[in-house]
Every structure is written in C-alpha cells, then in structure tokens.
C-alpha cells in the first residue's frame, strides 16, 4: 500500500518512461529502484555475461550519472530452505557519463553484469532470465 509503506511505484508507461519522476525522487534524496537486467528501453549496450556478449540496459546508470547518484546493486535470492528471501549487496557503482553518450556507460554496466554473473554462479537456481539477452 503506497500510502502506508512510503513506497511509490513510478510507471514506465508514460512517454518519458518514468525518467522525470525518478530524477525528481533522486533530487529529493529518495532511493529509486530500477531493474538492471532487462533491456526494455531498447537502448542497451553489449557487455560480457556468462561467456557471451549480451544486451543490458543503461537507463538506471544513465539516471544515476545525470543526478550524481551511486548505483547500489542488490541481488535477492532465496535461502537454502527456499522459504526466506535474503539479499547480497554489491559495491557502489558511481557512473559518470561523457556528454550524452550512453555508450560511455558501458564500463559501469559491465561492472554490474560481472557482479550479476558472480551471483548466478553462487546461486545458479536463482537466475531467471525472461528474454533472450544474447540475441543479435
């Protein structure tokens, strides 16, 4: 319940894909969660993942770089008994953009993808990929 939880869902259905609301939230010092493993905005960059080149989105890194905010990687997974969720946190990633080039974010996206790959190796049955990120 957004009214009691303090959590607000930002719709990505508007023409700007929720970017303006996300930026406004970050400028107020709020946290913004963005899934970084689905390339829905079709503006991804190719990075190495599980031995091959795969497309990963840049939106979260783009917003963070423009706002001077860090990216905190959170990797949720189930415990050994599969009845409790836990989360591993990766190191902070502080993306910096050169001009307006999303391509300049590739190294930061690769850093995230490398941490995700580590989590996939650590928790192989918790890795769910819902689309073919390796398609050419």
C-alpha atoms as a PDB file:
ATOM      1  CA  UNK A   1       0.000   0.000   0.000  1.00  0.00           C
ATOM      2  CA  UNK A   2       1.764   3.166  -1.189  1.00  0.00           C
ATOM      3  CA  UNK A   3       0.033   5.319   1.424  1.00  0.00           C
ATOM      4  CA  UNK A   4       1.279   3.341   4.425  1.00  0.00           C
ATOM      5  CA  UNK A   5       4.534   1.853   3.103  1.00  0.00           C
ATOM      6  CA  UNK A   6       6.134   5.020   1.803  1.00  0.00           C
ATOM      7  CA  UNK A   7       6.890   3.158  -1.425  1.00  0.00           C
ATOM      8  CA  UNK A   8       5.744   4.783  -4.650  1.00  0.00           C
ATOM      9  CA  UNK A   9       5.722   2.921  -7.950  1.00  0.00           C
ATOM     10  CA  UNK A  10       6.813   5.044 -10.890  1.00  0.00           C
ATOM     11  CA  UNK A  11       5.098   3.992 -14.095  1.00  0.00           C
ATOM     12  CA  UNK A  12       7.279   3.444 -17.117  1.00  0.00           C
ATOM     13  CA  UNK A  13       4.233   3.699 -19.398  1.00  0.00           C
ATOM     14  CA  UNK A  14       4.403   7.482 -19.836  1.00  0.00           C
ATOM     15  CA  UNK A  15       6.223   8.912 -22.880  1.00  0.00           C
ATOM     16  CA  UNK A  16       9.376   9.612 -20.848  1.00  0.00           C
ATOM     17  CA  UNK A  17       9.389   6.143 -19.288  1.00  0.00           C
ATOM     18  CA  UNK A  18       9.294   7.478 -15.723  1.00  0.00           C
ATOM     19  CA  UNK A  19      12.670   9.199 -16.019  1.00  0.00           C
ATOM     20  CA  UNK A  20      11.427  12.613 -14.877  1.00  0.00           C
ATOM     21  CA  UNK A  21       9.793  11.166 -11.752  1.00  0.00           C
ATOM     22  CA  UNK A  22      12.892   9.100 -10.974  1.00  0.00           C
ATOM     23  CA  UNK A  23      15.138  12.152 -11.305  1.00  0.00           C
ATOM     24  CA  UNK A  24      12.801  14.200  -9.098  1.00  0.00           C
ATOM     25  CA  UNK A  25      12.891  11.472  -6.429  1.00  0.00           C
ATOM     26  CA  UNK A  26      16.705  11.306  -6.506  1.00  0.00           C
ATOM     27  CA  UNK A  27      16.952  15.095  -6.278  1.00  0.00           C
ATOM     28  CA  UNK A  28      14.834  14.899  -3.092  1.00  0.00           C
ATOM     29  CA  UNK A  29      17.296  12.375  -1.646  1.00  0.00           C
ATOM     30  CA  UNK A  30      14.984   9.414  -2.132  1.00  0.00           C
ATOM     31  CA  UNK A  31      16.066   5.983  -3.336  1.00  0.00           C
ATOM     32  CA  UNK A  32      14.932   4.701  -6.730  1.00  0.00           C
ATOM     33  CA  UNK A  33      14.922   1.022  -7.636  1.00  0.00           C
ATOM     34  CA  UNK A  34      15.347   0.062 -11.273  1.00  0.00           C
ATOM     35  CA  UNK A  35      15.703  -3.445 -12.646  1.00  0.00           C
ATOM     36  CA  UNK A  36      19.031  -3.575 -14.427  1.00  0.00           C
ATOM     37  CA  UNK A  37      18.776  -6.907 -16.185  1.00  0.00           C
ATOM     38  CA  UNK A  38      16.000  -6.300 -18.728  1.00  0.00           C
ATOM     39  CA  UNK A  39      16.627  -4.152 -21.744  1.00  0.00           C
ATOM     40  CA  UNK A  40      13.093  -2.837 -22.134  1.00  0.00           C
ATOM     41  CA  UNK A  41      14.091   0.663 -23.161  1.00  0.00           C
ATOM     42  CA  UNK A  42      15.906  -0.740 -26.238  1.00  0.00           C
ATOM     43  CA  UNK A  43      18.891   1.475 -25.504  1.00  0.00           C
ATOM     44  CA  UNK A  44      21.185  -1.090 -24.039  1.00  0.00           C
ATOM     45  CA  UNK A  45      24.851  -1.757 -24.518  1.00  0.00           C
ATOM     46  CA  UNK A  46      26.514  -5.088 -25.216  1.00  0.00           C
ATOM     47  CA  UNK A  47      28.600  -6.465 -22.326  1.00  0.00           C
ATOM     48  CA  UNK A  48      30.110  -9.857 -21.484  1.00  0.00           C
ATOM     49  CA  UNK A  49      27.775 -12.059 -19.449  1.00  0.00           C
ATOM     50  CA  UNK A  50      28.052 -15.792 -18.870  1.00  0.00           C
ATOM     51  CA  UNK A  51      30.656 -16.166 -21.594  1.00  0.00           C
ATOM     52  CA  UNK A  52      28.961 -14.243 -24.389  1.00  0.00           C
ATOM     53  CA  UNK A  53      28.029 -10.730 -25.407  1.00  0.00           C
ATOM     54  CA  UNK A  54      24.596  -9.788 -24.050  1.00  0.00           C
ATOM     55  CA  UNK A  55      22.494  -6.621 -24.108  1.00  0.00           C
ATOM     56  CA  UNK A  56      21.995  -4.872 -20.777  1.00  0.00           C
ATOM     57  CA  UNK A  57      20.029  -1.674 -20.170  1.00  0.00           C
ATOM     58  CA  UNK A  58      21.620   1.680 -19.449  1.00  0.00           C
ATOM     59  CA  UNK A  59      18.598   3.523 -18.005  1.00  0.00           C
ATOM     60  CA  UNK A  60      19.487   3.132 -14.314  1.00  0.00           C
ATOM     61  CA  UNK A  61      23.110   4.086 -14.935  1.00  0.00           C
ATOM     62  CA  UNK A  62      22.046   6.999 -17.147  1.00  0.00           C
ATOM     63  CA  UNK A  63      19.757   8.428 -14.460  1.00  0.00           C
ATOM     64  CA  UNK A  64      22.345   7.885 -11.716  1.00  0.00           C
ATOM     65  CA  UNK A  65      25.106   9.549 -13.753  1.00  0.00           C
ATOM     66  CA  UNK A  66      22.922  12.550 -14.628  1.00  0.00           C
ATOM     67  CA  UNK A  67      21.935  13.004 -10.958  1.00  0.00           C
ATOM     68  CA  UNK A  68      25.357  12.265  -9.476  1.00  0.00           C
ATOM     69  CA  UNK A  69      23.885   9.337  -7.545  1.00  0.00           C
ATOM     70  CA  UNK A  70      25.532   5.982  -6.910  1.00  0.00           C
ATOM     71  CA  UNK A  71      24.103   2.688  -8.091  1.00  0.00           C
ATOM     72  CA  UNK A  72      23.677   0.097  -5.358  1.00  0.00           C
ATOM     73  CA  UNK A  73      23.456  -3.434  -6.739  1.00  0.00           C
ATOM     74  CA  UNK A  74      21.031  -5.625  -4.802  1.00  0.00           C
ATOM     75  CA  UNK A  75      20.828  -9.322  -5.590  1.00  0.00           C
ATOM     76  CA  UNK A  76      17.844 -11.013  -3.888  1.00  0.00           C
ATOM     77  CA  UNK A  77      17.829 -14.768  -3.525  1.00  0.00           C
ATOM     78  CA  UNK A  78      16.160 -17.487  -1.517  1.00  0.00           C
ATOM     79  CA  UNK A  79      17.861 -19.139   1.414  1.00  0.00           C
ATOM     80  CA  UNK A  80      18.844 -22.802   1.416  1.00  0.00           C
ATOM     81  CA  UNK A  81      15.360 -23.837   2.526  1.00  0.00           C
ATOM     82  CA  UNK A  82      13.673 -21.646  -0.131  1.00  0.00           C
ATOM     83  CA  UNK A  83      11.257 -20.190   2.397  1.00  0.00           C
ATOM     84  CA  UNK A  84      13.062 -16.944   3.210  1.00  0.00           C
ATOM     85  CA  UNK A  85      14.495 -14.290   0.940  1.00  0.00           C
ATOM     86  CA  UNK A  86      17.839 -12.642   1.549  1.00  0.00           C
ATOM     87  CA  UNK A  87      19.848 -10.122  -0.452  1.00  0.00           C
ATOM     88  CA  UNK A  88      23.504  -9.677  -1.274  1.00  0.00           C
ATOM     89  CA  UNK A  89      24.722  -6.153  -1.916  1.00  0.00           C
ATOM     90  CA  UNK A  90      27.400  -5.416  -4.452  1.00  0.00           C
ATOM     91  CA  UNK A  91      29.782  -2.498  -4.173  1.00  0.00           C
ATOM     92  CA  UNK A  92      28.612   1.004  -5.052  1.00  0.00           C
ATOM     93  CA  UNK A  93      28.982   1.869  -8.695  1.00  0.00           C
ATOM     94  CA  UNK A  94      29.380   5.582  -9.411  1.00  0.00           C
ATOM     95  CA  UNK A  95      28.622   6.018 -13.112  1.00  0.00           C
ATOM     96  CA  UNK A  96      29.918   9.042 -14.982  1.00  0.00           C
ATOM     97  CA  UNK A  97      28.775   9.947 -18.477  1.00  0.00           C
ATOM     98  CA  UNK A  98      30.783  11.601 -21.200  1.00  0.00           C
ATOM     99  CA  UNK A  99      28.385  14.099 -22.741  1.00  0.00           C
ATOM    100  CA  UNK A 100      25.092  12.407 -23.569  1.00  0.00           C
ATOM    101  CA  UNK A 101      26.640   9.148 -24.761  1.00  0.00           C
ATOM    102  CA  UNK A 102      25.059   6.051 -23.240  1.00  0.00           C
ATOM    103  CA  UNK A 103      27.962   4.153 -24.770  1.00  0.00           C
ATOM    104  CA  UNK A 104      30.204   5.849 -22.199  1.00  0.00           C
ATOM    105  CA  UNK A 105      28.267   3.922 -19.530  1.00  0.00           C
ATOM    106  CA  UNK A 106      29.335   0.524 -20.907  1.00  0.00           C
ATOM    107  CA  UNK A 107      32.120   0.006 -18.326  1.00  0.00           C
ATOM    108  CA  UNK A 108      29.701   0.643 -15.459  1.00  0.00           C
ATOM    109  CA  UNK A 109      27.097  -1.683 -16.967  1.00  0.00           C
ATOM    110  CA  UNK A 110      29.829  -4.304 -17.402  1.00  0.00           C
ATOM    111  CA  UNK A 111      30.745  -3.930 -13.731  1.00  0.00           C
ATOM    112  CA  UNK A 112      27.121  -4.642 -12.793  1.00  0.00           C
ATOM    113  CA  UNK A 113      26.892  -7.579 -15.224  1.00  0.00           C
ATOM    114  CA  UNK A 114      30.071  -9.060 -13.712  1.00  0.00           C
ATOM    115  CA  UNK A 115      28.574  -8.877 -10.212  1.00  0.00           C
ATOM    116  CA  UNK A 116      25.343 -10.421 -11.512  1.00  0.00           C
ATOM    117  CA  UNK A 117      27.371 -13.211 -13.104  1.00  0.00           C
ATOM    118  CA  UNK A 118      29.056 -13.878  -9.729  1.00  0.00           C
ATOM    119  CA  UNK A 119      25.625 -14.145  -8.105  1.00  0.00           C
ATOM    120  CA  UNK A 120      24.452 -16.518 -10.850  1.00  0.00           C
ATOM    121  CA  UNK A 121      27.432 -18.762 -10.093  1.00  0.00           C
ATOM    122  CA  UNK A 122      26.807 -18.549  -6.347  1.00  0.00           C
ATOM    123  CA  UNK A 123      23.032 -19.141  -6.639  1.00  0.00           C
ATOM    124  CA  UNK A 124      22.542 -20.893 -10.012  1.00  0.00           C
ATOM    125  CA  UNK A 125      18.927 -21.878  -9.365  1.00  0.00           C
ATOM    126  CA  UNK A 126      18.017 -18.276  -8.596  1.00  0.00           C
ATOM    127  CA  UNK A 127      18.990 -16.934 -12.009  1.00  0.00           C
ATOM    128  CA  UNK A 128      15.880 -16.238 -14.089  1.00  0.00           C
ATOM    129  CA  UNK A 129      16.328 -14.616 -17.476  1.00  0.00           C
ATOM    130  CA  UNK A 130      12.980 -13.832 -19.064  1.00  0.00           C
ATOM    131  CA  UNK A 131      14.180 -12.837 -22.502  1.00  0.00           C
ATOM    132  CA  UNK A 132      16.997 -13.725 -24.858  1.00  0.00           C
ATOM    133  CA  UNK A 133      19.569 -11.093 -23.937  1.00  0.00           C
ATOM    134  CA  UNK A 134      22.123 -12.766 -26.211  1.00  0.00           C
ATOM    135  CA  UNK A 135      20.164 -12.390 -29.444  1.00  0.00           C
ATOM    136  CA  UNK A 136      21.927 -10.464 -32.145  1.00  0.00           C
END
